């Protein structure tokens, strides 16, 4: 795997970038901690640099789905968990509608910045993906993201240090501000 600190990377118009969900959460998700604020500032500045250099950013449905679900769950856990004993009760409440509107607005902002891509489900080697998943070291959705990046020659932008544990990690190009990825 080729890993580089994203703060030192020089972006160009030829770059084809794929943002992991955690990057979108730092830029457009709800704030949860002081560290998240620091990462939010870092990745927001990097996004501006990417846009100035006219690099291409790609997204697929799995990242959008993770963004929507993560954003909504964070809002529930931070604000509404005491009021609603279950997420389903929250989802069926009036309070959910304002959260859903925020999520929708931010998702639309993301879509405007990206080109859509997808990896055909038929092309995935699910046996290998499940075998690797069964070892307990990698996340299923992260495996799909890695496959998309490898198949399309995308540079993966993530804050998730776990990508270095993939069997195909030598085929990934990774940009991150996460210090743990370099340990």
C-alpha atoms as a PDB file:
ATOM      1  CA  UNK A   1       0.000   0.000   0.000  1.00  0.00           C
ATOM      2  CA  UNK A   2       1.170   3.415  -0.820  1.00  0.00           C
ATOM      3  CA  UNK A   3       0.277   5.639   2.155  1.00  0.00           C
ATOM      4  CA  UNK A   4       0.860   9.343   2.359  1.00  0.00           C
ATOM      5  CA  UNK A   5      -0.014  12.047   4.810  1.00  0.00           C
ATOM      6  CA  UNK A   6      -2.721  13.995   3.032  1.00  0.00           C
ATOM      7  CA  UNK A   7      -1.407  17.273   4.473  1.00  0.00           C
ATOM      8  CA  UNK A   8       1.772  16.840   2.385  1.00  0.00           C
ATOM      9  CA  UNK A   9       0.131  15.650  -0.804  1.00  0.00           C
ATOM     10  CA  UNK A  10       0.103  17.928  -3.851  1.00  0.00           C
ATOM     11  CA  UNK A  11      -3.250  17.560  -5.583  1.00  0.00           C
ATOM     12  CA  UNK A  12      -3.679  17.943  -9.329  1.00  0.00           C
ATOM     13  CA  UNK A  13      -6.482  17.920 -11.859  1.00  0.00           C
ATOM     14  CA  UNK A  14      -5.471  14.355 -12.780  1.00  0.00           C
ATOM     15  CA  UNK A  15      -6.239  12.957  -9.324  1.00  0.00           C
ATOM     16  CA  UNK A  16      -9.177  10.556  -9.067  1.00  0.00           C
ATOM     17  CA  UNK A  17     -10.156  10.488  -5.414  1.00  0.00           C
ATOM     18  CA  UNK A  18     -12.645   8.363  -3.511  1.00  0.00           C
ATOM     19  CA  UNK A  19     -13.672   9.692  -0.096  1.00  0.00           C
ATOM     20  CA  UNK A  20     -14.500   7.182   2.617  1.00  0.00           C
ATOM     21  CA  UNK A  21     -17.602   7.873   4.707  1.00  0.00           C
ATOM     22  CA  UNK A  22     -15.573   9.103   7.665  1.00  0.00           C
ATOM     23  CA  UNK A  23     -14.207  11.977   5.574  1.00  0.00           C
ATOM     24  CA  UNK A  24     -17.726  13.092   4.623  1.00  0.00           C
ATOM     25  CA  UNK A  25     -18.747  12.775   8.281  1.00  0.00           C
ATOM     26  CA  UNK A  26     -15.908  15.074   9.338  1.00  0.00           C
ATOM     27  CA  UNK A  27     -16.825  17.620   6.680  1.00  0.00           C
ATOM     28  CA  UNK A  28     -20.645  17.478   6.702  1.00  0.00           C
ATOM     29  CA  UNK A  29     -21.640  15.366   9.716  1.00  0.00           C
ATOM     30  CA  UNK A  30     -22.612  16.469  13.213  1.00  0.00           C
ATOM     31  CA  UNK A  31     -19.760  17.482  15.502  1.00  0.00           C
ATOM     32  CA  UNK A  32     -19.128  15.148  18.435  1.00  0.00           C
ATOM     33  CA  UNK A  33     -15.769  15.927  20.062  1.00  0.00           C
ATOM     34  CA  UNK A  34     -12.810  18.261  20.141  1.00  0.00           C
ATOM     35  CA  UNK A  35     -10.785  15.748  18.076  1.00  0.00           C
ATOM     36  CA  UNK A  36     -13.609  15.566  15.543  1.00  0.00           C
ATOM     37  CA  UNK A  37     -13.537  19.355  15.263  1.00  0.00           C
ATOM     38  CA  UNK A  38      -9.805  19.206  14.545  1.00  0.00           C
ATOM     39  CA  UNK A  39     -10.315  16.525  11.879  1.00  0.00           C
ATOM     40  CA  UNK A  40     -13.269  18.434  10.476  1.00  0.00           C
ATOM     41  CA  UNK A  41     -11.121  21.532  10.015  1.00  0.00           C
ATOM     42  CA  UNK A  42      -8.289  19.504   8.483  1.00  0.00           C
ATOM     43  CA  UNK A  43     -10.428  17.666   5.940  1.00  0.00           C
ATOM     44  CA  UNK A  44     -12.539  20.729   5.106  1.00  0.00           C
ATOM     45  CA  UNK A  45      -9.363  22.630   4.175  1.00  0.00           C
ATOM     46  CA  UNK A  46      -8.164  19.659   2.144  1.00  0.00           C
ATOM     47  CA  UNK A  47     -11.504  19.503   0.306  1.00  0.00           C
ATOM     48  CA  UNK A  48     -11.138  23.172  -0.592  1.00  0.00           C
ATOM     49  CA  UNK A  49      -7.620  22.503  -1.897  1.00  0.00           C
ATOM     50  CA  UNK A  50      -8.906  19.545  -3.936  1.00  0.00           C
ATOM     51  CA  UNK A  51     -11.650  21.681  -5.435  1.00  0.00           C
ATOM     52  CA  UNK A  52      -9.185  24.466  -6.254  1.00  0.00           C
ATOM     53  CA  UNK A  53      -6.956  21.963  -8.071  1.00  0.00           C
ATOM     54  CA  UNK A  54      -9.995  20.525  -9.887  1.00  0.00           C
ATOM     55  CA  UNK A  55      -9.293  16.958  -8.794  1.00  0.00           C
ATOM     56  CA  UNK A  56     -12.120  14.497  -9.401  1.00  0.00           C
ATOM     57  CA  UNK A  57     -14.000  13.076  -6.416  1.00  0.00           C
ATOM     58  CA  UNK A  58     -16.035   9.907  -6.756  1.00  0.00           C
ATOM     59  CA  UNK A  59     -18.745   8.378  -4.602  1.00  0.00           C
ATOM     60  CA  UNK A  60     -20.876   5.244  -4.615  1.00  0.00           C
ATOM     61  CA  UNK A  61     -24.134   4.231  -3.012  1.00  0.00           C
ATOM     62  CA  UNK A  62     -22.516   2.372  -0.103  1.00  0.00           C
ATOM     63  CA  UNK A  63     -20.749   5.529   1.090  1.00  0.00           C
ATOM     64  CA  UNK A  64     -23.951   7.553   0.796  1.00  0.00           C
ATOM     65  CA  UNK A  65     -25.842   4.908   2.738  1.00  0.00           C
ATOM     66  CA  UNK A  66     -23.197   4.823   5.471  1.00  0.00           C
ATOM     67  CA  UNK A  67     -23.162   8.632   5.649  1.00  0.00           C
ATOM     68  CA  UNK A  68     -26.945   8.872   6.014  1.00  0.00           C
ATOM     69  CA  UNK A  69     -27.114   6.099   8.618  1.00  0.00           C
ATOM     70  CA  UNK A  70     -24.078   7.301  10.606  1.00  0.00           C
ATOM     71  CA  UNK A  71     -25.252  10.908  10.658  1.00  0.00           C
ATOM     72  CA  UNK A  72     -28.737   9.917  11.809  1.00  0.00           C
ATOM     73  CA  UNK A  73     -27.435   7.522  14.483  1.00  0.00           C
ATOM     74  CA  UNK A  74     -25.026  10.135  15.834  1.00  0.00           C
ATOM     75  CA  UNK A  75     -27.815  12.679  16.161  1.00  0.00           C
ATOM     76  CA  UNK A  76     -30.007  10.099  17.895  1.00  0.00           C
ATOM     77  CA  UNK A  77     -27.245   9.056  20.317  1.00  0.00           C
ATOM     78  CA  UNK A  78     -26.159  12.630  21.112  1.00  0.00           C
ATOM     79  CA  UNK A  79     -29.505  14.381  21.376  1.00  0.00           C
ATOM     80  CA  UNK A  80     -32.551  12.133  21.298  1.00  0.00           C
ATOM     81  CA  UNK A  81     -31.659   8.840  22.994  1.00  0.00           C
ATOM     82  CA  UNK A  82     -33.088   9.867  26.362  1.00  0.00           C
ATOM     83  CA  UNK A  83     -36.305  11.103  24.789  1.00  0.00           C
ATOM     84  CA  UNK A  84     -36.881   8.027  22.591  1.00  0.00           C
ATOM     85  CA  UNK A  85     -36.067   4.587  24.038  1.00  0.00           C
ATOM     86  CA  UNK A  86     -35.378   3.112  20.608  1.00  0.00           C
ATOM     87  CA  UNK A  87     -34.043   4.374  17.314  1.00  0.00           C
ATOM     88  CA  UNK A  88     -37.215   3.175  15.582  1.00  0.00           C
ATOM     89  CA  UNK A  89     -39.376   5.363  17.856  1.00  0.00           C
ATOM     90  CA  UNK A  90     -37.101   8.285  17.062  1.00  0.00           C
ATOM     91  CA  UNK A  91     -37.314   7.567  13.326  1.00  0.00           C
ATOM     92  CA  UNK A  92     -41.106   7.710  13.535  1.00  0.00           C
ATOM     93  CA  UNK A  93     -41.098  11.016  15.465  1.00  0.00           C
ATOM     94  CA  UNK A  94     -41.461  14.643  14.491  1.00  0.00           C
ATOM     95  CA  UNK A  95     -37.908  15.262  15.789  1.00  0.00           C
ATOM     96  CA  UNK A  96     -36.553  12.876  13.172  1.00  0.00           C
ATOM     97  CA  UNK A  97     -37.867  15.073  10.364  1.00  0.00           C
ATOM     98  CA  UNK A  98     -35.500  17.940  11.196  1.00  0.00           C
ATOM     99  CA  UNK A  99     -32.558  15.538  11.381  1.00  0.00           C
ATOM    100  CA  UNK A 100     -33.604  13.931   8.087  1.00  0.00           C
ATOM    101  CA  UNK A 101     -33.775  17.376   6.488  1.00  0.00           C
ATOM    102  CA  UNK A 102     -30.234  18.195   7.684  1.00  0.00           C
ATOM    103  CA  UNK A 103     -28.974  14.842   6.423  1.00  0.00           C
ATOM    104  CA  UNK A 104     -30.685  15.389   3.067  1.00  0.00           C
ATOM    105  CA  UNK A 105     -29.235  18.884   2.676  1.00  0.00           C
ATOM    106  CA  UNK A 106     -25.718  17.673   3.450  1.00  0.00           C
ATOM    107  CA  UNK A 107     -26.067  14.639   1.206  1.00  0.00           C
ATOM    108  CA  UNK A 108     -27.091  16.913  -1.667  1.00  0.00           C
ATOM    109  CA  UNK A 109     -23.991  19.044  -1.017  1.00  0.00           C
ATOM    110  CA  UNK A 110     -21.816  15.929  -1.249  1.00  0.00           C
ATOM    111  CA  UNK A 111     -23.459  14.748  -4.469  1.00  0.00           C
ATOM    112  CA  UNK A 112     -22.779  18.115  -6.112  1.00  0.00           C
ATOM    113  CA  UNK A 113     -19.058  17.646  -5.466  1.00  0.00           C
ATOM    114  CA  UNK A 114     -18.803  14.095  -6.770  1.00  0.00           C
ATOM    115  CA  UNK A 115     -19.065  11.899  -9.767  1.00  0.00           C
ATOM    116  CA  UNK A 116     -21.048   8.730  -9.215  1.00  0.00           C
ATOM    117  CA  UNK A 117     -19.420   5.353  -9.601  1.00  0.00           C
ATOM    118  CA  UNK A 118     -20.276   1.808  -8.756  1.00  0.00           C
ATOM    119  CA  UNK A 119     -18.704  -1.595  -8.848  1.00  0.00           C
ATOM    120  CA  UNK A 120     -20.967  -4.217 -10.288  1.00  0.00           C
ATOM    121  CA  UNK A 121     -22.069  -6.652  -7.618  1.00  0.00           C
ATOM    122  CA  UNK A 122     -21.529  -9.429 -10.166  1.00  0.00           C
ATOM    123  CA  UNK A 123     -17.838  -8.529 -10.440  1.00  0.00           C
ATOM    124  CA  UNK A 124     -17.120  -8.869  -6.723  1.00  0.00           C
ATOM    125  CA  UNK A 125     -15.320 -11.988  -5.574  1.00  0.00           C
ATOM    126  CA  UNK A 126     -17.632 -12.477  -2.603  1.00  0.00           C
ATOM    127  CA  UNK A 127     -15.957 -15.715  -1.517  1.00  0.00           C
ATOM    128  CA  UNK A 128     -12.650 -13.899  -0.981  1.00  0.00           C
ATOM    129  CA  UNK A 129     -14.388 -10.934   0.651  1.00  0.00           C
ATOM    130  CA  UNK A 130     -16.288 -13.185   3.091  1.00  0.00           C
ATOM    131  CA  UNK A 131     -13.204 -15.279   3.842  1.00  0.00           C
ATOM    132  CA  UNK A 132     -11.251 -12.142   4.720  1.00  0.00           C
ATOM    133  CA  UNK A 133     -14.183 -10.775   6.724  1.00  0.00           C
ATOM    134  CA  UNK A 134     -14.426 -14.048   8.674  1.00  0.00           C
ATOM    135  CA  UNK A 135     -10.880 -13.488   9.945  1.00  0.00           C
ATOM    136  CA  UNK A 136     -12.252 -10.550  11.937  1.00  0.00           C
ATOM    137  CA  UNK A 137      -9.725  -7.990  10.768  1.00  0.00           C
ATOM    138  CA  UNK A 138     -11.650  -6.034   8.118  1.00  0.00           C
ATOM    139  CA  UNK A 139     -15.052  -4.445   7.666  1.00  0.00           C
ATOM    140  CA  UNK A 140     -17.274  -5.634   4.805  1.00  0.00           C
ATOM    141  CA  UNK A 141     -18.085  -2.127   3.524  1.00  0.00           C
ATOM    142  CA  UNK A 142     -14.419  -1.182   3.694  1.00  0.00           C
ATOM    143  CA  UNK A 143     -13.635  -4.205   1.528  1.00  0.00           C
ATOM    144  CA  UNK A 144     -16.150  -2.990  -1.064  1.00  0.00           C
ATOM    145  CA  UNK A 145     -14.596   0.485  -0.991  1.00  0.00           C
ATOM    146  CA  UNK A 146     -11.146  -1.037  -1.493  1.00  0.00           C
ATOM    147  CA  UNK A 147     -12.435  -3.052  -4.468  1.00  0.00           C
ATOM    148  CA  UNK A 148     -13.963   0.071  -6.018  1.00  0.00           C
ATOM    149  CA  UNK A 149     -10.711   1.997  -5.598  1.00  0.00           C
ATOM    150  CA  UNK A 150      -8.570  -0.797  -7.033  1.00  0.00           C
ATOM    151  CA  UNK A 151     -10.895  -1.420  -9.996  1.00  0.00           C
ATOM    152  CA  UNK A 152     -11.064   2.293 -10.911  1.00  0.00           C
ATOM    153  CA  UNK A 153      -7.525   3.418  -9.991  1.00  0.00           C
ATOM    154  CA  UNK A 154      -8.901   5.759  -7.335  1.00  0.00           C
ATOM    155  CA  UNK A 155      -6.852   7.216  -4.527  1.00  0.00           C
ATOM    156  CA  UNK A 156      -8.627   6.413  -1.274  1.00  0.00           C
ATOM    157  CA  UNK A 157      -9.032   9.351   1.099  1.00  0.00           C
ATOM    158  CA  UNK A 158      -9.863   8.016   4.562  1.00  0.00           C
ATOM    159  CA  UNK A 159      -9.236   8.521   8.249  1.00  0.00           C
ATOM    160  CA  UNK A 160      -9.569   4.774   8.854  1.00  0.00           C
ATOM    161  CA  UNK A 161      -6.216   3.158   9.666  1.00  0.00           C
ATOM    162  CA  UNK A 162      -7.728  -0.317   9.219  1.00  0.00           C
ATOM    163  CA  UNK A 163      -7.250  -0.295   5.455  1.00  0.00           C
ATOM    164  CA  UNK A 164      -3.616  -1.308   5.890  1.00  0.00           C
ATOM    165  CA  UNK A 165      -4.817  -4.743   7.111  1.00  0.00           C
ATOM    166  CA  UNK A 166      -6.424  -5.709   3.804  1.00  0.00           C
ATOM    167  CA  UNK A 167      -4.905  -8.551   1.815  1.00  0.00           C
ATOM    168  CA  UNK A 168      -5.060  -6.305  -1.252  1.00  0.00           C
ATOM    169  CA  UNK A 169      -3.591  -3.340   0.626  1.00  0.00           C
ATOM    170  CA  UNK A 170      -0.560  -3.362  -1.689  1.00  0.00           C
ATOM    171  CA  UNK A 171      -2.902  -2.347  -4.523  1.00  0.00           C
ATOM    172  CA  UNK A 172      -4.372   0.656  -2.675  1.00  0.00           C
ATOM    173  CA  UNK A 173      -3.162   4.222  -2.702  1.00  0.00           C
ATOM    174  CA  UNK A 174      -4.208   5.865   0.544  1.00  0.00           C
ATOM    175  CA  UNK A 175      -4.224   9.486   1.700  1.00  0.00           C
ATOM    176  CA  UNK A 176      -4.954  10.223   5.346  1.00  0.00           C
ATOM    177  CA  UNK A 177      -4.303  12.631   8.182  1.00  0.00           C
ATOM    178  CA  UNK A 178      -4.593   9.773  10.683  1.00  0.00           C
ATOM    179  CA  UNK A 179      -1.256   9.320  12.436  1.00  0.00           C
ATOM    180  CA  UNK A 180      -2.158   5.737  13.402  1.00  0.00           C
ATOM    181  CA  UNK A 181      -2.073   4.705   9.749  1.00  0.00           C
ATOM    182  CA  UNK A 182       1.688   5.321   9.742  1.00  0.00           C
ATOM    183  CA  UNK A 183       2.550   3.386  12.915  1.00  0.00           C
END
